[in-house]
Amino acid sequence: MTAYTPRRAGRVLLVDAAGRVLLFEGFDPARPGHRYWFTPGGGLDPGETYEAGAARELAEETGLRLPPEAFGAPVHREVTEFPFDGVWYRQEQEFFLVRVASHEVDTAGFNEIERACMPGHRWWGVEELVASGERYYPSDLPAVLAHALAAAAPTVSVAADADRAVGGGTC
């Protein structure tokens, strides 16, 4: 039986005005050939809320700074199990929807592991992602994104020329 390391994570579905979602390319250092695409976000610090962790990770990985209270309710929750660098994790994660007119990604906040294992990022149209044959997580990302965009749950909208959040609506 595999022993899992418990982990909690806040993740962000960052969607631009063209309806594309930002994904990072990554790989497991123990399995460098296992490449995949995934949303911004990551593990929570001890005592950190999902919203605070998502806000911190979004700032570190993309340069987009939003206050945790701007994230609203999560649009998706799941538990996933995966290996990374020889350790098996059981991760409870919540996803938040953030809409932007556009955003120039700034990865200056990457830590050493992210710099080593996240060689790229790009904005993906959902149909393009599905047709690409690329591996992405969560594996039901197109459905998760479609549900999030169709839901009436509050989202964060950010103007392209502003560094502030406005609740609700789209750009």
Protein backbone atom coordinates (compact mmCIF):
# COMPACT_ATOMS: atom_id res chain seq x y z
CA MET A 1 0.00 0.00 0.00
CA THR A 2 1.28 3.45 -0.92
CA ALA A 3 1.73 5.96 1.90
CA TYR A 4 0.50 9.38 0.86
CA THR A 5 1.70 12.77 2.04
CA PRO A 6 -1.39 14.91 2.66
CA ARG A 7 -1.45 18.28 0.96
CA ARG A 8 -3.95 21.08 0.33
CA ALA A 9 -3.76 23.38 -2.69
CA GLY A 10 -5.43 26.49 -4.08
CA ARG A 11 -5.62 26.60 -7.88
CA VAL A 12 -6.74 29.24 -10.36
CA LEU A 13 -8.58 28.99 -13.66
CA LEU A 14 -7.17 32.19 -15.18
CA VAL A 15 -9.24 32.97 -18.28
CA ASP A 16 -8.64 35.83 -20.71
CA ALA A 17 -11.15 37.80 -22.81
CA ALA A 18 -10.76 35.31 -25.68
CA GLY A 19 -11.89 32.50 -23.37
CA ARG A 20 -8.43 30.94 -23.18
CA VAL A 21 -7.12 29.42 -19.94
CA LEU A 22 -3.55 29.90 -18.77
CA LEU A 23 -1.69 26.64 -18.22
CA PHE A 24 1.87 25.89 -17.21
CA GLU A 25 3.90 23.09 -18.71
CA GLY A 26 5.51 20.89 -16.10
CA PHE A 27 7.20 17.60 -15.44
CA ASP A 28 8.10 15.41 -12.51
CA PRO A 29 11.89 15.47 -11.91
CA ALA A 30 11.74 11.73 -11.12
CA ARG A 31 10.00 11.15 -14.47
CA PRO A 32 11.19 13.92 -16.83
CA GLY A 33 9.45 12.33 -19.81
CA HIS A 34 6.05 12.64 -18.10
CA ARG A 35 5.08 16.12 -19.28
CA TYR A 36 1.76 17.79 -18.61
CA TRP A 37 -0.10 21.11 -18.46
CA PHE A 38 -1.74 22.46 -15.32
CA THR A 39 -3.35 25.55 -13.83
CA PRO A 40 -1.56 28.17 -11.72
CA GLY A 41 -1.64 27.42 -8.02
CA GLY A 42 -0.07 25.13 -5.50
CA GLY A 43 0.32 23.91 -1.98
CA LEU A 44 -0.97 25.89 0.96
CA ASP A 45 1.25 27.05 3.79
CA PRO A 46 0.27 25.85 7.29
CA GLY A 47 -2.89 27.65 8.44
CA GLU A 48 -3.40 29.29 5.03
CA THR A 49 -6.90 29.36 3.50
CA TYR A 50 -7.52 28.10 -0.02
CA GLU A 51 -8.22 31.69 -1.15
CA ALA A 52 -5.03 33.05 0.42
CA GLY A 53 -2.97 30.23 -1.07
CA ALA A 54 -4.50 30.73 -4.52
CA ALA A 55 -3.79 34.48 -4.30
CA ARG A 56 -0.19 33.92 -3.17
CA GLU A 57 0.50 31.28 -5.81
CA LEU A 58 -1.12 33.37 -8.57
CA ALA A 59 1.16 36.30 -7.67
CA GLU A 60 4.28 34.12 -7.47
CA GLU A 61 3.62 32.24 -10.70
CA THR A 62 2.04 34.91 -12.92
CA GLY A 63 2.75 38.30 -11.33
CA LEU A 64 -1.00 38.98 -11.02
CA ARG A 65 -1.72 40.26 -7.51
CA LEU A 66 -5.22 39.99 -6.08
CA PRO A 67 -6.41 40.05 -2.47
CA PRO A 68 -7.65 36.69 -1.16
CA GLU A 69 -11.10 38.12 -0.44
CA ALA A 70 -11.53 38.84 -4.17
CA PHE A 71 -11.60 35.14 -5.09
CA GLY A 72 -15.11 34.36 -3.88
CA ALA A 73 -16.35 30.79 -3.67
CA PRO A 74 -14.43 27.95 -5.30
CA VAL A 75 -15.84 26.77 -8.63
CA HIS A 76 -14.47 23.24 -8.29
CA ARG A 77 -13.15 20.96 -5.54
CA GLU A 78 -11.40 17.63 -5.87
CA VAL A 79 -9.03 15.19 -4.25
CA THR A 80 -6.20 13.88 -6.39
CA GLU A 81 -3.31 11.51 -5.81
CA PHE A 82 -0.03 11.85 -7.67
CA PRO A 83 3.72 11.26 -7.42
CA PHE A 84 6.24 14.09 -7.56
CA ASP A 85 9.98 13.62 -7.18
CA GLY A 86 9.53 10.20 -5.58
CA VAL A 87 6.86 11.25 -3.07
CA TRP A 88 3.19 10.29 -3.38
CA TYR A 89 0.73 13.07 -2.49
CA ARG A 90 -2.96 13.02 -1.69
CA GLN A 91 -4.04 16.57 -2.44
CA GLU A 92 -7.31 18.28 -1.59
CA GLN A 93 -7.64 21.25 -3.91
CA GLU A 94 -10.04 24.06 -4.63
CA PHE A 95 -10.18 25.99 -7.91
CA PHE A 96 -11.14 29.65 -8.30
CA LEU A 97 -12.15 31.40 -11.51
CA VAL A 98 -10.36 34.64 -12.38
CA ARG A 99 -11.16 36.47 -15.61
CA VAL A 100 -8.79 39.00 -17.13
CA ALA A 101 -8.97 41.04 -20.31
CA SER A 102 -5.35 40.00 -20.86
CA HIS A 103 -2.28 39.44 -18.75
CA GLU A 104 1.43 39.31 -19.50
CA VAL A 105 2.67 36.42 -17.36
CA ASP A 106 5.64 37.23 -15.13
CA THR A 107 7.34 34.13 -13.68
CA ALA A 108 9.96 36.07 -11.68
CA GLY A 109 8.35 34.73 -8.49
CA PHE A 110 9.05 31.08 -9.34
CA ASN A 111 10.90 29.12 -6.67
CA GLU A 112 13.84 26.84 -7.52
CA ILE A 113 11.66 23.76 -8.15
CA GLU A 114 9.28 25.72 -10.39
CA ARG A 115 12.18 27.14 -12.41
CA ALA A 116 13.56 23.62 -12.88
CA CYS A 117 10.29 21.80 -13.63
CA MET A 118 8.02 24.35 -15.32
CA PRO A 119 9.67 25.19 -18.65
CA GLY A 120 6.77 27.03 -20.25
CA HIS A 121 3.28 28.43 -20.17
CA ARG A 122 0.66 29.37 -22.69
CA TRP A 123 -2.96 30.41 -23.08
CA TRP A 124 -5.07 27.53 -24.39
CA GLY A 125 -8.49 27.56 -26.02
CA VAL A 126 -10.47 24.62 -24.65
CA GLU A 127 -11.08 23.07 -28.07
CA GLU A 128 -7.41 23.53 -28.92
CA LEU A 129 -6.37 21.84 -25.68
CA VAL A 130 -8.68 18.86 -26.26
CA ALA A 131 -7.50 18.45 -29.87
CA SER A 132 -3.81 18.77 -28.93
CA GLY A 133 -3.42 15.30 -27.47
CA GLU A 134 -1.40 16.88 -24.63
CA ARG A 135 -1.75 15.60 -21.06
CA TYR A 136 -3.36 18.10 -18.67
CA TYR A 137 -4.61 18.15 -15.12
CA PRO A 138 -7.19 17.91 -13.90
CA SER A 139 -7.98 15.37 -16.59
CA ASP A 140 -11.53 16.76 -16.80
CA LEU A 141 -10.30 20.34 -17.16
CA PRO A 142 -12.51 21.17 -20.19
CA ALA A 143 -15.64 20.17 -18.26
CA VAL A 144 -14.47 21.92 -15.08
CA LEU A 145 -13.82 25.10 -17.05
CA ALA A 146 -17.14 24.93 -18.93
CA HIS A 147 -19.03 24.45 -15.67
CA ALA A 148 -17.12 27.31 -13.97
CA LEU A 149 -17.78 29.72 -16.84
CA ALA A 150 -21.48 28.81 -16.99
CA ALA A 151 -22.03 28.97 -13.21
CA ALA A 152 -23.46 32.03 -11.56
CA ALA A 153 -20.84 31.82 -8.80
CA PRO A 154 -18.97 35.06 -8.17
CA THR A 155 -15.72 35.43 -10.06
CA VAL A 156 -12.93 37.96 -10.10
CA SER A 157 -12.59 40.25 -13.09
CA VAL A 158 -9.45 42.26 -13.57
CA ALA A 159 -9.08 45.14 -15.99
CA ALA A 160 -6.05 44.85 -18.27
CA ASP A 161 -4.66 48.20 -17.16
CA ALA A 162 -5.47 47.91 -13.47
CA ASP A 163 -4.02 45.90 -10.62
CA ARG A 164 -7.27 45.70 -8.70
CA ALA A 165 -10.09 43.22 -8.57
CA VAL A 166 -13.75 43.89 -9.23
CA GLY A 167 -16.25 41.26 -8.12
CA GLY A 168 -18.59 39.68 -10.67
CA GLY A 169 -19.04 40.16 -14.39
CA THR A 170 -16.59 39.64 -17.22
CA CYS A 171 -14.09 41.84 -18.99
